[in-house]
Amino acid sequence: MGLGNTVRLGEPGQYLRLFKSNVFVRDHDRSIRFYVDQLGFSVVADARFEFDRWVAIAPPDGNAILALIAPKRGSAHYKLIGTPTQIGFIAEDIDATYELWASRGVRFDRPPQRQLWGGTFAVFSDIDGNTFDLIGSASMCLLISSEQIGRAHV
């Protein structure tokens, strides 16, 4: 579609979705091993530029990308390593995901706990101490699945 064409969200075949979120890490290679070996993610891009490296990883369904960024020591972004990422993953079976990841050495700050809103919620950390939410909600998973099936038939 050319730049002169107007795209309206909601038209058949059009979509808008999250592309990537940044995760600040100390060492790309060490982080790649964690995300691939312990969480089961895939490396979708590993590009080296003159002064930088850009690594993109994706969870098994591939619907979103985490960009692993190793900022320079002392920079404002370097200070973000080891902090809450505000990124949440939804699992179809949170208990099975928790058991699998825990058996692979993933550190959970909080194991799955039932919440007042009806879902289940856990918090885990990556190798650098960045924290993520792991969410389990049957109604959210059903809604996501039905949306994906609906798009597949368009």
Protein backbone atom coordinates (compact mmCIF):
# COMPACT_ATOMS: atom_id res chain seq x y z
CA MET A 1 0.00 0.00 0.00
CA GLY A 2 1.53 3.33 -1.00
CA LEU A 3 2.06 6.31 1.23
CA GLY A 4 -0.76 8.21 -0.48
CA ASN A 5 -3.38 5.62 0.44
CA THR A 6 -5.36 6.03 3.62
CA VAL A 7 -5.60 2.99 5.87
CA ARG A 8 -8.41 2.84 8.36
CA LEU A 9 -8.26 0.46 11.27
CA GLY A 10 -11.14 -1.96 11.18
CA GLU A 11 -11.05 -2.41 7.41
CA PRO A 12 -10.71 -6.06 6.36
CA GLY A 13 -7.07 -7.12 6.36
CA GLN A 14 -5.87 -4.19 8.46
CA TYR A 15 -4.45 -4.58 11.94
CA LEU A 16 -2.65 -2.74 14.64
CA ARG A 17 -0.74 -4.67 17.25
CA LEU A 18 2.17 -4.35 19.60
CA PHE A 19 5.45 -4.83 17.73
CA LYS A 20 8.16 -4.67 20.39
CA SER A 21 9.08 -3.70 23.90
CA ASN A 22 12.60 -2.91 25.04
CA VAL A 23 14.31 -4.91 27.76
CA PHE A 24 17.63 -3.53 28.98
CA VAL A 25 20.26 -6.19 29.67
CA ARG A 26 23.94 -6.32 30.62
CA ASP A 27 25.09 -8.94 28.09
CA HIS A 28 23.27 -9.97 24.91
CA ASP A 29 24.65 -13.50 24.73
CA ARG A 30 23.90 -14.32 28.36
CA SER A 31 20.38 -12.93 28.00
CA ILE A 32 19.76 -14.84 24.76
CA ARG A 33 20.65 -18.09 26.54
CA PHE A 34 18.19 -17.27 29.34
CA TYR A 35 15.27 -16.37 27.07
CA VAL A 36 15.85 -19.26 24.64
CA ASP A 37 16.93 -22.05 27.02
CA GLN A 38 14.81 -21.21 30.04
CA LEU A 39 11.71 -19.52 28.60
CA GLY A 40 11.57 -21.25 25.22
CA PHE A 41 11.65 -18.03 23.18
CA SER A 42 13.17 -17.77 19.68
CA VAL A 43 15.73 -15.32 18.33
CA VAL A 44 14.03 -13.59 15.40
CA ALA A 45 16.82 -11.07 14.66
CA ASP A 46 20.40 -10.56 15.73
CA ALA A 47 21.86 -7.61 13.85
CA ARG A 48 25.19 -5.96 14.41
CA PHE A 49 25.71 -2.37 13.45
CA GLU A 50 28.87 -0.31 13.54
CA PHE A 51 28.41 0.77 17.15
CA ASP A 52 25.55 -1.39 18.37
CA ARG A 53 23.79 -4.74 18.35
CA TRP A 54 20.04 -5.28 18.12
CA VAL A 55 18.61 -8.61 19.26
CA ALA A 56 14.94 -9.43 18.96
CA ILE A 57 13.37 -12.43 20.66
CA ALA A 58 9.80 -13.69 20.61
CA PRO A 59 7.71 -15.99 22.78
CA PRO A 60 6.51 -19.25 21.18
CA ASP A 61 3.41 -17.67 19.56
CA GLY A 62 5.55 -14.90 18.02
CA ASN A 63 2.93 -12.19 18.44
CA ALA A 64 5.27 -9.69 20.10
CA ILE A 65 8.98 -9.03 20.15
CA LEU A 66 11.27 -8.15 23.02
CA ALA A 67 14.24 -6.09 21.89
CA LEU A 68 17.22 -6.92 24.09
CA ILE A 69 19.30 -3.77 24.45
CA ALA A 70 22.68 -3.65 26.19
CA PRO A 71 23.15 0.07 26.91
CA LYS A 72 26.47 1.70 27.74
CA ARG A 73 27.50 1.66 31.41
CA GLY A 74 26.48 4.80 33.24
CA SER A 75 23.78 5.73 30.71
CA ALA A 76 20.19 6.44 31.75
CA HIS A 77 19.08 3.18 30.10
CA TYR A 78 21.77 1.18 31.92
CA LYS A 79 20.16 2.26 35.18
CA LEU A 80 16.93 0.54 34.05
CA ILE A 81 18.54 -2.92 34.14
CA GLY A 82 17.05 -4.94 36.98
CA THR A 83 13.81 -3.00 37.30
CA PRO A 84 10.16 -3.88 36.62
CA THR A 85 9.60 -3.96 32.85
CA GLN A 86 5.82 -3.41 32.99
CA ILE A 87 5.59 -6.31 30.49
CA GLY A 88 3.10 -9.09 31.12
CA PHE A 89 2.79 -12.48 29.44
CA ILE A 90 -0.50 -14.35 29.40
CA ALA A 91 -0.32 -18.14 29.61
CA GLU A 92 -3.00 -20.56 28.54
CA ASP A 93 -2.02 -22.76 31.51
CA ILE A 94 -0.17 -20.62 34.03
CA ASP A 95 0.47 -23.51 36.41
CA ALA A 96 2.10 -25.62 33.68
CA THR A 97 4.17 -22.62 32.50
CA TYR A 98 5.22 -21.89 36.07
CA GLU A 99 6.24 -25.53 36.68
CA LEU A 100 8.19 -25.73 33.40
CA TRP A 101 10.01 -22.43 33.85
CA ALA A 102 10.76 -23.09 37.54
CA SER A 103 12.22 -26.49 36.59
CA ARG A 104 14.48 -24.67 34.12
CA GLY A 105 15.76 -22.36 36.84
CA VAL A 106 13.61 -19.28 36.26
CA ARG A 107 13.37 -17.30 39.50
CA PHE A 108 9.86 -16.37 40.54
CA ASP A 109 9.48 -13.48 42.95
CA ARG A 110 5.91 -14.57 43.47
CA PRO A 111 4.41 -17.94 42.44
CA PRO A 112 0.96 -18.01 40.78
CA GLN A 113 -1.70 -16.63 43.10
CA ARG A 114 -5.43 -16.26 42.47
CA GLN A 115 -6.53 -12.62 42.23
CA LEU A 116 -9.80 -10.93 43.15
CA TRP A 117 -10.52 -10.26 39.45
CA GLY A 118 -10.56 -14.04 38.84
CA GLY A 119 -7.23 -14.52 37.12
CA THR A 120 -3.95 -15.87 38.38
CA PHE A 121 -0.82 -13.75 38.63
CA ALA A 122 2.90 -14.44 39.14
CA VAL A 123 6.09 -12.38 38.88
CA PHE A 124 9.40 -13.68 37.53
CA SER A 125 12.85 -12.24 36.85
CA ASP A 126 15.27 -12.64 33.99
CA ILE A 127 19.02 -13.16 34.40
CA ASP A 128 19.53 -9.41 35.00
CA GLY A 129 16.75 -9.03 37.57
CA ASN A 130 14.26 -7.41 35.17
CA THR A 131 10.80 -8.44 36.36
CA PHE A 132 7.84 -9.55 34.27
CA ASP A 133 4.25 -10.51 35.03
CA LEU A 134 2.89 -13.94 34.15
CA ILE A 135 -0.88 -13.88 33.94
CA GLY A 136 -3.38 -16.70 33.71
CA SER A 137 -6.99 -15.96 32.88
CA ALA A 138 -9.31 -18.47 31.24
CA SER A 139 -11.64 -15.73 30.00
CA MET A 140 -8.78 -13.65 28.52
CA CYS A 141 -7.25 -16.73 26.83
CA LEU A 142 -10.65 -17.66 25.37
CA LEU A 143 -11.12 -14.12 24.06
CA ILE A 144 -7.61 -14.05 22.54
CA SER A 145 -8.12 -17.47 20.91
CA SER A 146 -11.48 -16.48 19.44
CA GLU A 147 -10.01 -13.23 18.07
CA GLN A 148 -7.15 -15.14 16.42
CA ILE A 149 -9.52 -17.70 14.93
CA GLY A 150 -11.78 -14.89 13.66
CA ARG A 151 -8.83 -13.16 11.95
CA ALA A 152 -7.70 -16.45 10.39
CA HIS A 153 -11.06 -16.82 8.64
CA VAL A 154 -11.15 -13.28 7.23
